Amino acid sequence: MSIDQIEKPRRRRRSPDEARREAVEAARALLLSGGPNAVTLSAVAADIGVTHANLIHHFGSAAGLQSALMGSMVADLSRALDTAIARLRTDEGAPLELVNAVFDAFAAGGAGRLAAWIALSGDLSHLEPVRAAVRDLVEAIAEKMGDDGAARERIGSAVLFIALSAFGEALIGPPLHDMLDQPDDATRTVVAGLLPRFLVRND
């Protein structure tokens, strides 16, 4: 078979919205497989079969593509936290149920890696959409406890504890489980066991 007979990948026509969506999806896959340094215009262009210039047209620069990716993943994280809040308000809301909901929110779609990337970039403005979701989570716990406002500080500490644990689990949990011969759900179980200590009043 000659070189001319080898079928080359065909570039298909996409609407601007389709092109942006596919580029962001490809960038997310690169982030999850290779980290932030893997998210380049050239790599994304090669993955979806467009030119480097085409991506420049849609995003302006590599920073523009990365910003779009952050926006997409933060939106997913906010939706996941909203789901956790709805679950807490409709279910019994036992500690493990709450911990699982928040851990799942941070693990889904690479949100833990995204948060690390945003923190290291120094531009925390991308996390603004998450602020409301976190505050709603505090309110949902308060409602579940029948709180009259006096326990907000304890609840805030509990959410901080869960979120930081979920963030660490998303980044390095599996290797640590292996090193310490712990089951996959070890971190969730420990956090759920300690959570009531944050929520009980110590008078």
N, C-alpha and C. Protein backbone atom coordinates (compact mmCIF):
# COMPACT_ATOMS: atom_id res chain seq x y z
N MET A 1 0.85 -1.19 0.00
CA MET A 1 0.00 0.00 0.00
C MET A 1 0.89 1.25 0.00
N SER A 2 0.59 2.16 -0.90
CA SER A 2 1.39 3.38 -0.98
C SER A 2 0.95 4.37 0.08
N ILE A 3 1.82 5.37 0.28
CA ILE A 3 1.49 6.41 1.27
C ILE A 3 0.20 7.12 0.89
N ASP A 4 0.00 7.30 -0.42
CA ASP A 4 -1.20 8.00 -0.89
C ASP A 4 -2.47 7.23 -0.58
N GLN A 5 -2.31 5.87 -0.45
CA GLN A 5 -3.49 5.04 -0.21
C GLN A 5 -3.87 4.96 1.27
N ILE A 6 -2.94 5.40 2.13
CA ILE A 6 -3.23 5.36 3.56
C ILE A 6 -4.24 6.45 3.90
N GLU A 7 -5.33 6.04 4.52
CA GLU A 7 -6.38 7.00 4.83
C GLU A 7 -5.94 7.89 5.99
N LYS A 8 -5.97 9.18 5.77
CA LYS A 8 -5.59 10.13 6.79
C LYS A 8 -6.83 10.57 7.56
N PRO A 9 -6.65 10.91 8.85
CA PRO A 9 -7.80 11.40 9.62
C PRO A 9 -8.41 12.63 8.96
N ARG A 10 -9.69 12.62 8.83
CA ARG A 10 -10.38 13.75 8.21
C ARG A 10 -10.83 14.75 9.27
N ARG A 11 -10.54 15.98 8.99
CA ARG A 11 -11.04 17.02 9.88
C ARG A 11 -12.49 17.30 9.50
N ARG A 12 -13.35 17.26 10.48
CA ARG A 12 -14.77 17.52 10.19
C ARG A 12 -15.11 18.94 10.61
N ARG A 13 -16.13 19.45 9.98
CA ARG A 13 -16.57 20.80 10.29
C ARG A 13 -17.33 20.79 11.61
N ARG A 14 -17.03 21.74 12.46
CA ARG A 14 -17.69 21.87 13.74
C ARG A 14 -18.22 23.29 13.88
N SER A 15 -19.31 23.41 14.62
CA SER A 15 -19.76 24.76 14.98
C SER A 15 -18.78 25.29 16.02
N PRO A 16 -18.72 26.61 16.21
CA PRO A 16 -17.83 27.17 17.24
C PRO A 16 -18.07 26.57 18.61
N ASP A 17 -19.34 26.37 18.97
CA ASP A 17 -19.65 25.79 20.29
C ASP A 17 -19.16 24.36 20.38
N GLU A 18 -19.33 23.58 19.32
CA GLU A 18 -18.84 22.20 19.32
C GLU A 18 -17.33 22.15 19.44
N ALA A 19 -16.66 23.02 18.71
CA ALA A 19 -15.21 23.05 18.74
C ALA A 19 -14.70 23.38 20.14
N ARG A 20 -15.30 24.36 20.77
CA ARG A 20 -14.90 24.74 22.12
C ARG A 20 -15.17 23.60 23.11
N ARG A 21 -16.34 23.00 22.99
CA ARG A 21 -16.69 21.92 23.91
C ARG A 21 -15.73 20.73 23.76
N GLU A 22 -15.45 20.34 22.53
CA GLU A 22 -14.54 19.22 22.31
C GLU A 22 -13.13 19.55 22.79
N ALA A 23 -12.71 20.78 22.60
CA ALA A 23 -11.38 21.19 23.05
C ALA A 23 -11.29 21.13 24.57
N VAL A 24 -12.32 21.59 25.24
CA VAL A 24 -12.32 21.58 26.71
C VAL A 24 -12.33 20.13 27.22
N GLU A 25 -13.10 19.26 26.58
CA GLU A 25 -13.14 17.86 26.98
C GLU A 25 -11.77 17.20 26.79
N ALA A 26 -11.11 17.51 25.67
CA ALA A 26 -9.78 16.97 25.42
C ALA A 26 -8.78 17.51 26.43
N ALA A 27 -8.90 18.79 26.77
CA ALA A 27 -8.00 19.40 27.76
C ALA A 27 -8.20 18.75 29.12
N ARG A 28 -9.43 18.42 29.47
CA ARG A 28 -9.68 17.76 30.76
C ARG A 28 -9.02 16.38 30.79
N ALA A 29 -9.15 15.64 29.69
CA ALA A 29 -8.53 14.31 29.64
C ALA A 29 -7.01 14.42 29.77
N LEU A 30 -6.42 15.43 29.14
CA LEU A 30 -4.98 15.64 29.24
C LEU A 30 -4.58 16.01 30.67
N LEU A 31 -5.38 16.85 31.32
CA LEU A 31 -5.10 17.23 32.70
C LEU A 31 -5.10 16.01 33.61
N LEU A 32 -6.08 15.14 33.43
CA LEU A 32 -6.21 13.98 34.30
C LEU A 32 -5.11 12.95 34.04
N SER A 33 -4.67 12.86 32.79
CA SER A 33 -3.67 11.84 32.46
C SER A 33 -2.23 12.34 32.64
N GLY A 34 -2.02 13.65 32.41
CA GLY A 34 -0.64 14.14 32.44
C GLY A 34 -0.38 15.34 33.30
N GLY A 35 -1.43 15.86 33.97
CA GLY A 35 -1.23 17.04 34.81
C GLY A 35 -1.33 18.33 34.02
N PRO A 36 -1.24 19.47 34.71
CA PRO A 36 -1.40 20.78 34.07
C PRO A 36 -0.45 21.03 32.90
N ASN A 37 0.79 20.55 33.01
CA ASN A 37 1.76 20.81 31.94
C ASN A 37 1.39 20.13 30.63
N ALA A 38 0.51 19.14 30.70
CA ALA A 38 0.10 18.43 29.48
C ALA A 38 -0.96 19.19 28.71
N VAL A 39 -1.57 20.20 29.32
CA VAL A 39 -2.66 20.95 28.67
C VAL A 39 -2.06 22.07 27.83
N THR A 40 -1.72 21.74 26.59
CA THR A 40 -1.17 22.71 25.65
C THR A 40 -2.07 22.78 24.42
N LEU A 41 -1.97 23.90 23.71
CA LEU A 41 -2.76 24.05 22.50
C LEU A 41 -2.41 22.97 21.48
N SER A 42 -1.12 22.68 21.33
CA SER A 42 -0.70 21.68 20.35
C SER A 42 -1.27 20.31 20.66
N ALA A 43 -1.21 19.92 21.95
CA ALA A 43 -1.71 18.60 22.34
C ALA A 43 -3.21 18.50 22.14
N VAL A 44 -3.94 19.53 22.51
CA VAL A 44 -5.39 19.51 22.35
C VAL A 44 -5.76 19.52 20.87
N ALA A 45 -5.07 20.34 20.07
CA ALA A 45 -5.34 20.39 18.63
C ALA A 45 -5.13 19.03 17.98
N ALA A 46 -4.04 18.35 18.35
CA ALA A 46 -3.76 17.03 17.78
C ALA A 46 -4.82 16.03 18.20
N ASP A 47 -5.30 16.16 19.44
CA ASP A 47 -6.27 15.20 19.96
C ASP A 47 -7.61 15.29 19.24
N ILE A 48 -8.04 16.49 18.91
CA ILE A 48 -9.37 16.63 18.29
C ILE A 48 -9.30 16.87 16.79
N GLY A 49 -8.08 16.89 16.23
CA GLY A 49 -7.94 16.98 14.79
C GLY A 49 -8.19 18.35 14.19
N VAL A 50 -7.70 19.40 14.89
CA VAL A 50 -7.79 20.74 14.33
C VAL A 50 -6.40 21.35 14.34
N THR A 51 -6.26 22.52 13.77
CA THR A 51 -4.96 23.17 13.74
C THR A 51 -4.75 24.01 14.99
N HIS A 52 -3.49 24.29 15.25
CA HIS A 52 -3.12 25.16 16.36
C HIS A 52 -3.79 26.52 16.17
N ALA A 53 -3.78 27.02 14.95
CA ALA A 53 -4.39 28.32 14.66
C ALA A 53 -5.88 28.32 14.94
N ASN A 54 -6.53 27.18 14.70
CA ASN A 54 -7.96 27.07 14.95
C ASN A 54 -8.27 27.25 16.44
N LEU A 55 -7.45 26.64 17.29
CA LEU A 55 -7.66 26.78 18.72
C LEU A 55 -7.38 28.21 19.18
N ILE A 56 -6.37 28.83 18.59
CA ILE A 56 -6.09 30.24 18.90
C ILE A 56 -7.31 31.08 18.57
N HIS A 57 -7.96 30.77 17.45
CA HIS A 57 -9.16 31.50 17.03
C HIS A 57 -10.26 31.39 18.09
N HIS A 58 -10.42 30.19 18.67
CA HIS A 58 -11.51 29.97 19.61
C HIS A 58 -11.19 30.44 21.04
N PHE A 59 -9.92 30.36 21.44
CA PHE A 59 -9.59 30.63 22.84
C PHE A 59 -8.63 31.81 23.02
N GLY A 60 -7.99 32.25 21.95
CA GLY A 60 -7.08 33.39 22.04
C GLY A 60 -5.67 33.02 22.43
N SER A 61 -5.51 32.06 23.36
CA SER A 61 -4.20 31.67 23.84
C SER A 61 -4.34 30.39 24.66
N ALA A 62 -3.20 29.83 25.07
CA ALA A 62 -3.22 28.67 25.94
C ALA A 62 -3.90 29.01 27.27
N ALA A 63 -3.64 30.23 27.75
CA ALA A 63 -4.27 30.68 29.00
C ALA A 63 -5.79 30.73 28.86
N GLY A 64 -6.26 31.12 27.67
CA GLY A 64 -7.69 31.16 27.42
C GLY A 64 -8.31 29.78 27.46
N LEU A 65 -7.62 28.80 26.88
CA LEU A 65 -8.09 27.41 26.91
C LEU A 65 -8.10 26.90 28.35
N GLN A 66 -7.03 27.17 29.09
CA GLN A 66 -6.95 26.71 30.48
C GLN A 66 -8.03 27.35 31.33
N SER A 67 -8.32 28.61 31.08
CA SER A 67 -9.38 29.29 31.81
C SER A 67 -10.75 28.67 31.52
N ALA A 68 -10.98 28.31 30.25
CA ALA A 68 -12.23 27.66 29.89
C ALA A 68 -12.35 26.30 30.56
N LEU A 69 -11.23 25.58 30.63
CA LEU A 69 -11.22 24.28 31.29
C LEU A 69 -11.53 24.45 32.78
N MET A 70 -10.89 25.41 33.42
CA MET A 70 -11.15 25.66 34.84
C MET A 70 -12.62 25.99 35.06
N GLY A 71 -13.17 26.85 34.21
CA GLY A 71 -14.57 27.22 34.35
C GLY A 71 -15.50 26.02 34.23
N SER A 72 -15.20 25.13 33.29
CA SER A 72 -16.02 23.94 33.09
C SER A 72 -15.96 23.01 34.30
N MET A 73 -14.74 22.81 34.82
CA MET A 73 -14.57 21.87 35.93
C MET A 73 -15.11 22.45 37.23
N VAL A 74 -14.96 23.76 37.43
CA VAL A 74 -15.53 24.39 38.62
C VAL A 74 -17.05 24.28 38.59
N ALA A 75 -17.63 24.45 37.41
CA ALA A 75 -19.08 24.30 37.29
C ALA A 75 -19.51 22.89 37.65
N ASP A 76 -18.73 21.89 37.21
CA ASP A 76 -19.03 20.50 37.56
C ASP A 76 -18.92 20.29 39.07
N LEU A 77 -17.88 20.87 39.69
CA LEU A 77 -17.72 20.74 41.13
C LEU A 77 -18.88 21.38 41.88
N SER A 78 -19.29 22.55 41.42
CA SER A 78 -20.42 23.23 42.06
C SER A 78 -21.69 22.39 41.96
N ARG A 79 -21.92 21.80 40.77
CA ARG A 79 -23.10 20.95 40.60
C ARG A 79 -23.02 19.73 41.50
N ALA A 80 -21.81 19.14 41.63
CA ALA A 80 -21.65 17.97 42.48
C ALA A 80 -21.92 18.31 43.94
N LEU A 81 -21.45 19.48 44.37
CA LEU A 81 -21.73 19.91 45.75
C LEU A 81 -23.22 20.19 45.94
N ASP A 82 -23.85 20.75 44.92
CA ASP A 82 -25.29 20.98 45.00
C ASP A 82 -26.04 19.65 45.16
N THR A 83 -25.57 18.61 44.45
CA THR A 83 -26.16 17.28 44.57
C THR A 83 -25.97 16.74 45.98
N ALA A 84 -24.76 16.97 46.54
CA ALA A 84 -24.48 16.53 47.91
C ALA A 84 -25.43 17.23 48.89
N ILE A 85 -25.67 18.52 48.66
CA ILE A 85 -26.55 19.29 49.54
C ILE A 85 -27.98 18.76 49.46
N ALA A 86 -28.45 18.51 48.24
CA ALA A 86 -29.81 17.99 48.06
C ALA A 86 -29.95 16.63 48.73
N ARG A 87 -28.90 15.82 48.60
CA ARG A 87 -28.92 14.49 49.22
C ARG A 87 -28.97 14.61 50.73
N LEU A 88 -28.22 15.53 51.28
CA LEU A 88 -28.20 15.73 52.72
C LEU A 88 -29.56 16.18 53.22
N ARG A 89 -30.24 17.03 52.45
CA ARG A 89 -31.52 17.57 52.89
C ARG A 89 -32.65 16.55 52.78
N THR A 90 -32.49 15.55 51.90
CA THR A 90 -33.58 14.59 51.70
C THR A 90 -33.32 13.26 52.39
N ASP A 91 -32.05 12.91 52.63
CA ASP A 91 -31.72 11.64 53.30
C ASP A 91 -31.56 11.86 54.79
N GLU A 92 -31.21 10.79 55.49
CA GLU A 92 -31.02 10.89 56.92
C GLU A 92 -29.81 11.74 57.28
N GLY A 93 -28.84 11.82 56.38
CA GLY A 93 -27.70 12.68 56.64
C GLY A 93 -26.73 12.15 57.68
N ALA A 94 -26.58 10.84 57.77
CA ALA A 94 -25.60 10.26 58.69
C ALA A 94 -24.21 10.73 58.28
N PRO A 95 -23.25 10.76 59.22
CA PRO A 95 -21.91 11.27 58.90
C PRO A 95 -21.29 10.65 57.65
N LEU A 96 -21.37 9.33 57.49
CA LEU A 96 -20.74 8.69 56.34
C LEU A 96 -21.41 9.11 55.04
N GLU A 97 -22.75 9.30 55.07
CA GLU A 97 -23.45 9.75 53.87
C GLU A 97 -22.95 11.12 53.44
N LEU A 98 -22.80 12.02 54.41
CA LEU A 98 -22.32 13.37 54.11
C LEU A 98 -20.89 13.33 53.58
N VAL A 99 -20.04 12.58 54.24
CA VAL A 99 -18.63 12.48 53.82
C VAL A 99 -18.55 11.90 52.41
N ASN A 100 -19.30 10.85 52.13
CA ASN A 100 -19.27 10.25 50.79
C ASN A 100 -19.70 11.25 49.73
N ALA A 101 -20.73 12.04 50.03
CA ALA A 101 -21.23 13.01 49.05
C ALA A 101 -20.16 14.04 48.72
N VAL A 102 -19.47 14.56 49.74
CA VAL A 102 -18.46 15.59 49.49
C VAL A 102 -17.21 14.98 48.84
N PHE A 103 -16.79 13.80 49.30
CA PHE A 103 -15.64 13.14 48.68
C PHE A 103 -15.91 12.85 47.21
N ASP A 104 -17.12 12.40 46.91
CA ASP A 104 -17.48 12.14 45.52
C ASP A 104 -17.43 13.42 44.69
N ALA A 105 -17.85 14.53 45.29
CA ALA A 105 -17.84 15.81 44.58
C ALA A 105 -16.41 16.20 44.21
N PHE A 106 -15.46 16.00 45.12
CA PHE A 106 -14.08 16.38 44.84
C PHE A 106 -13.41 15.40 43.88
N ALA A 107 -13.82 14.14 43.91
CA ALA A 107 -13.17 13.14 43.06
C ALA A 107 -13.69 13.19 41.63
N ALA A 108 -14.95 13.53 41.45
CA ALA A 108 -15.57 13.47 40.13
C ALA A 108 -14.91 14.40 39.13
N GLY A 109 -14.53 13.86 38.00
CA GLY A 109 -14.00 14.68 36.92
C GLY A 109 -12.68 15.37 37.20
N GLY A 110 -11.97 14.93 38.24
CA GLY A 110 -10.66 15.52 38.51
C GLY A 110 -10.70 16.84 39.24
N ALA A 111 -11.77 17.09 40.02
CA ALA A 111 -11.89 18.37 40.71
C ALA A 111 -10.77 18.60 41.72
N GLY A 112 -10.25 17.52 42.31
CA GLY A 112 -9.14 17.67 43.24
C GLY A 112 -7.90 18.22 42.56
N ARG A 113 -7.58 17.67 41.39
CA ARG A 113 -6.44 18.18 40.63
C ARG A 113 -6.67 19.61 40.17
N LEU A 114 -7.92 19.88 39.80
CA LEU A 114 -8.24 21.23 39.36
C LEU A 114 -8.00 22.24 40.50
N ALA A 115 -8.47 21.89 41.70
CA ALA A 115 -8.30 22.80 42.83
C ALA A 115 -6.82 23.04 43.11
N ALA A 116 -6.01 21.99 43.00
CA ALA A 116 -4.57 22.15 43.21
C ALA A 116 -3.98 23.07 42.14
N TRP A 117 -4.41 22.89 40.91
CA TRP A 117 -3.91 23.71 39.79
C TRP A 117 -4.26 25.17 40.02
N ILE A 118 -5.51 25.42 40.41
CA ILE A 118 -5.94 26.80 40.65
C ILE A 118 -5.15 27.41 41.81
N ALA A 119 -4.97 26.65 42.89
CA ALA A 119 -4.24 27.16 44.04
C ALA A 119 -2.80 27.49 43.67
N LEU A 120 -2.16 26.63 42.90
CA LEU A 120 -0.77 26.86 42.51
C LEU A 120 -0.64 28.02 41.53
N SER A 121 -1.70 28.27 40.75
CA SER A 121 -1.65 29.37 39.79
C SER A 121 -1.72 30.72 40.50
N GLY A 122 -2.25 30.73 41.71
CA GLY A 122 -2.38 31.96 42.47
C GLY A 122 -3.60 32.79 42.12
N ASP A 123 -4.36 32.38 41.11
CA ASP A 123 -5.56 33.11 40.70
C ASP A 123 -6.78 32.39 41.25
N LEU A 124 -7.19 32.75 42.47
CA LEU A 124 -8.28 32.05 43.13
C LEU A 124 -9.66 32.52 42.67
N SER A 125 -9.69 33.47 41.74
CA SER A 125 -10.98 33.96 41.26
C SER A 125 -11.79 32.85 40.60
N HIS A 126 -11.09 31.84 40.06
CA HIS A 126 -11.80 30.74 39.41
C HIS A 126 -12.63 29.93 40.41
N LEU A 127 -12.30 30.02 41.69
CA LEU A 127 -13.02 29.25 42.70
C LEU A 127 -14.25 29.98 43.23
N GLU A 128 -14.49 31.21 42.75
CA GLU A 128 -15.64 31.97 43.24
C GLU A 128 -16.96 31.21 43.11
N PRO A 129 -17.21 30.51 41.97
CA PRO A 129 -18.49 29.79 41.87
C PRO A 129 -18.68 28.72 42.93
N VAL A 130 -17.57 28.24 43.52
CA VAL A 130 -17.67 27.19 44.53
C VAL A 130 -18.06 27.78 45.88
N ARG A 131 -17.79 29.07 46.07
CA ARG A 131 -18.04 29.72 47.37
C ARG A 131 -19.50 29.54 47.80
N ALA A 132 -20.43 29.81 46.88
CA ALA A 132 -21.84 29.71 47.22
C ALA A 132 -22.22 28.27 47.55
N ALA A 133 -21.65 27.31 46.81
CA ALA A 133 -21.97 25.90 47.06
C ALA A 133 -21.48 25.48 48.45
N VAL A 134 -20.30 25.95 48.84
CA VAL A 134 -19.78 25.60 50.16
C VAL A 134 -20.65 26.22 51.26
N ARG A 135 -21.06 27.47 51.06
CA ARG A 135 -21.92 28.11 52.05
C ARG A 135 -23.26 27.39 52.15
N ASP A 136 -23.78 26.95 51.01
CA ASP A 136 -25.04 26.20 51.02
C ASP A 136 -24.88 24.88 51.77
N LEU A 137 -23.69 24.27 51.67
CA LEU A 137 -23.44 23.03 52.38
C LEU A 137 -23.51 23.26 53.90
N VAL A 138 -22.92 24.36 54.35
CA VAL A 138 -22.98 24.72 55.77
C VAL A 138 -24.45 24.90 56.19
N GLU A 139 -25.23 25.59 55.35
CA GLU A 139 -26.63 25.82 55.67
C GLU A 139 -27.41 24.51 55.73
N ALA A 140 -27.09 23.58 54.80
CA ALA A 140 -27.80 22.31 54.78
C ALA A 140 -27.53 21.50 56.04
N ILE A 141 -26.28 21.52 56.50
CA ILE A 141 -25.94 20.81 57.74
C ILE A 141 -26.66 21.47 58.92
N ALA A 142 -26.69 22.80 58.92
CA ALA A 142 -27.36 23.52 60.00
C ALA A 142 -28.85 23.16 60.05
N GLU A 143 -29.48 23.08 58.88
CA GLU A 143 -30.89 22.71 58.83
C GLU A 143 -31.09 21.31 59.38
N LYS A 144 -30.19 20.40 59.03
CA LYS A 144 -30.31 19.02 59.46
C LYS A 144 -30.18 18.91 60.97
N MET A 145 -29.36 19.79 61.56
CA MET A 145 -29.13 19.76 63.00
C MET A 145 -30.18 20.56 63.76
N GLY A 146 -31.07 21.25 63.03
CA GLY A 146 -32.03 22.11 63.69
C GLY A 146 -31.34 23.30 64.34
N ASP A 147 -30.31 23.78 63.70
CA ASP A 147 -29.47 24.83 64.28
C ASP A 147 -30.17 26.18 64.24
N ASP A 148 -29.99 26.95 65.30
CA ASP A 148 -30.58 28.28 65.36
C ASP A 148 -29.56 29.37 65.07
N GLY A 149 -28.39 29.00 64.60
CA GLY A 149 -27.35 29.97 64.28
C GLY A 149 -26.19 29.92 65.25
N ALA A 150 -26.35 29.28 66.38
CA ALA A 150 -25.29 29.26 67.38
C ALA A 150 -24.15 28.32 67.02
N ALA A 151 -24.42 27.34 66.17
CA ALA A 151 -23.40 26.32 65.88
C ALA A 151 -22.70 26.55 64.54
N ARG A 152 -22.88 27.73 63.93
CA ARG A 152 -22.30 27.96 62.61
C ARG A 152 -20.78 27.77 62.59
N GLU A 153 -20.11 28.20 63.65
CA GLU A 153 -18.65 28.08 63.68
C GLU A 153 -18.24 26.62 63.69
N ARG A 154 -18.94 25.80 64.49
CA ARG A 154 -18.62 24.37 64.53
C ARG A 154 -18.90 23.72 63.19
N ILE A 155 -19.99 24.11 62.56
CA ILE A 155 -20.33 23.53 61.26
C ILE A 155 -19.30 23.93 60.20
N GLY A 156 -18.88 25.20 60.24
CA GLY A 156 -17.84 25.64 59.31
C GLY A 156 -16.56 24.85 59.48
N SER A 157 -16.19 24.55 60.73
CA SER A 157 -15.00 23.74 60.99
C SER A 157 -15.18 22.33 60.45
N ALA A 158 -16.39 21.78 60.58
CA ALA A 158 -16.66 20.44 60.07
C ALA A 158 -16.53 20.39 58.56
N VAL A 159 -17.09 21.40 57.87
CA VAL A 159 -17.00 21.43 56.41
C VAL A 159 -15.55 21.60 55.97
N LEU A 160 -14.80 22.43 56.68
CA LEU A 160 -13.38 22.60 56.38
C LEU A 160 -12.64 21.28 56.50
N PHE A 161 -12.92 20.56 57.57
CA PHE A 161 -12.29 19.25 57.81
C PHE A 161 -12.62 18.27 56.69
N ILE A 162 -13.90 18.21 56.31
CA ILE A 162 -14.30 17.28 55.24
C ILE A 162 -13.67 17.67 53.91
N ALA A 163 -13.73 18.98 53.58
CA ALA A 163 -13.24 19.43 52.28
C ALA A 163 -11.73 19.23 52.14
N LEU A 164 -10.97 19.57 53.18
CA LEU A 164 -9.52 19.38 53.11
C LEU A 164 -9.17 17.90 53.00
N SER A 165 -9.91 17.06 53.72
CA SER A 165 -9.66 15.62 53.64
C SER A 165 -10.01 15.08 52.26
N ALA A 166 -11.13 15.56 51.70
CA ALA A 166 -11.53 15.11 50.37
C ALA A 166 -10.52 15.57 49.31
N PHE A 167 -10.00 16.79 49.47
CA PHE A 167 -9.00 17.32 48.56
C PHE A 167 -7.73 16.47 48.61
N GLY A 168 -7.24 16.17 49.81
CA GLY A 168 -6.05 15.33 49.94
C GLY A 168 -6.27 13.94 49.40
N GLU A 169 -7.45 13.40 49.65
CA GLU A 169 -7.77 12.06 49.15
C GLU A 169 -7.76 12.02 47.62
N ALA A 170 -8.31 13.08 47.01
CA ALA A 170 -8.35 13.13 45.55
C ALA A 170 -6.96 13.20 44.94
N LEU A 171 -6.02 13.84 45.65
CA LEU A 171 -4.68 14.04 45.10
C LEU A 171 -3.75 12.86 45.36
N ILE A 172 -3.78 12.33 46.58
CA ILE A 172 -2.75 11.34 46.93
C ILE A 172 -3.31 10.16 47.74
N GLY A 173 -4.63 10.08 47.84
CA GLY A 173 -5.23 9.01 48.64
C GLY A 173 -4.83 7.60 48.24
N PRO A 174 -5.04 7.19 46.97
CA PRO A 174 -4.74 5.81 46.59
C PRO A 174 -3.30 5.36 46.88
N PRO A 175 -2.26 6.16 46.54
CA PRO A 175 -0.90 5.72 46.89
C PRO A 175 -0.69 5.55 48.39
N LEU A 176 -1.28 6.46 49.18
CA LEU A 176 -1.14 6.35 50.63
C LEU A 176 -1.84 5.11 51.17
N HIS A 177 -3.00 4.78 50.60
CA HIS A 177 -3.70 3.56 51.01
C HIS A 177 -2.79 2.36 50.80
N ASP A 178 -2.13 2.31 49.64
CA ASP A 178 -1.24 1.19 49.33
C ASP A 178 -0.06 1.14 50.30
N MET A 179 0.55 2.30 50.56
CA MET A 179 1.71 2.36 51.45
C MET A 179 1.38 1.86 52.85
N LEU A 180 0.17 2.17 53.31
CA LEU A 180 -0.23 1.86 54.68
C LEU A 180 -1.12 0.63 54.78
N ASP A 181 -1.29 -0.08 53.65
CA ASP A 181 -2.13 -1.28 53.62
C ASP A 181 -3.54 -1.00 54.15
N GLN A 182 -4.11 0.11 53.70
CA GLN A 182 -5.44 0.51 54.12
C GLN A 182 -6.43 0.29 52.98
N PRO A 183 -7.69 0.01 53.30
CA PRO A 183 -8.70 -0.15 52.25
C PRO A 183 -8.97 1.16 51.54
N ASP A 184 -9.60 1.07 50.37
CA ASP A 184 -9.85 2.26 49.56
C ASP A 184 -10.71 3.31 50.27
N ASP A 185 -11.60 2.86 51.15
CA ASP A 185 -12.50 3.80 51.81
C ASP A 185 -12.00 4.22 53.19
N ALA A 186 -10.72 3.98 53.48
CA ALA A 186 -10.18 4.25 54.82
C ALA A 186 -10.34 5.70 55.22
N THR A 187 -9.99 6.64 54.31
CA THR A 187 -10.05 8.06 54.66
C THR A 187 -11.49 8.48 54.95
N ARG A 188 -12.41 8.03 54.14
CA ARG A 188 -13.82 8.38 54.34
C ARG A 188 -14.31 7.88 55.70
N THR A 189 -13.91 6.66 56.05
CA THR A 189 -14.35 6.07 57.31
C THR A 189 -13.79 6.85 58.51
N VAL A 190 -12.51 7.22 58.43
CA VAL A 190 -11.89 7.99 59.51
C VAL A 190 -12.57 9.34 59.67
N VAL A 191 -12.78 10.04 58.55
CA VAL A 191 -13.41 11.36 58.61
C VAL A 191 -14.82 11.26 59.17
N ALA A 192 -15.58 10.26 58.72
CA ALA A 192 -16.95 10.09 59.22
C ALA A 192 -16.95 9.81 60.71
N GLY A 193 -15.95 9.06 61.19
CA GLY A 193 -15.87 8.75 62.60
C GLY A 193 -15.55 9.98 63.45
N LEU A 194 -14.75 10.88 62.92
CA LEU A 194 -14.36 12.08 63.67
C LEU A 194 -15.35 13.22 63.53
N LEU A 195 -16.15 13.20 62.47
CA LEU A 195 -17.04 14.32 62.18
C LEU A 195 -17.96 14.70 63.34
N PRO A 196 -18.58 13.74 64.04
CA PRO A 196 -19.48 14.13 65.13
C PRO A 196 -18.80 14.98 66.21
N ARG A 197 -17.50 14.85 66.37
CA ARG A 197 -16.80 15.64 67.38
C ARG A 197 -16.82 17.13 67.04
N PHE A 198 -16.91 17.43 65.75
CA PHE A 198 -16.96 18.84 65.34
C PHE A 198 -18.36 19.42 65.57
N LEU A 199 -19.36 18.58 65.56
CA LEU A 199 -20.74 19.05 65.57
C LEU A 199 -21.39 19.01 66.94
N VAL A 200 -20.74 18.37 67.90
CA VAL A 200 -21.32 18.28 69.24
C VAL A 200 -20.85 19.46 70.06
N ARG A 201 -21.78 20.14 70.73
CA ARG A 201 -21.45 21.29 71.56
C ARG A 201 -20.69 20.83 72.80
N ASN A 202 -19.61 21.53 73.12
CA ASN A 202 -18.83 21.23 74.31
C ASN A 202 -19.05 22.33 75.35
N ASP A 203 -20.08 22.19 76.15
CA ASP A 203 -20.38 23.20 77.19
C ASP A 203 -19.78 22.79 78.52
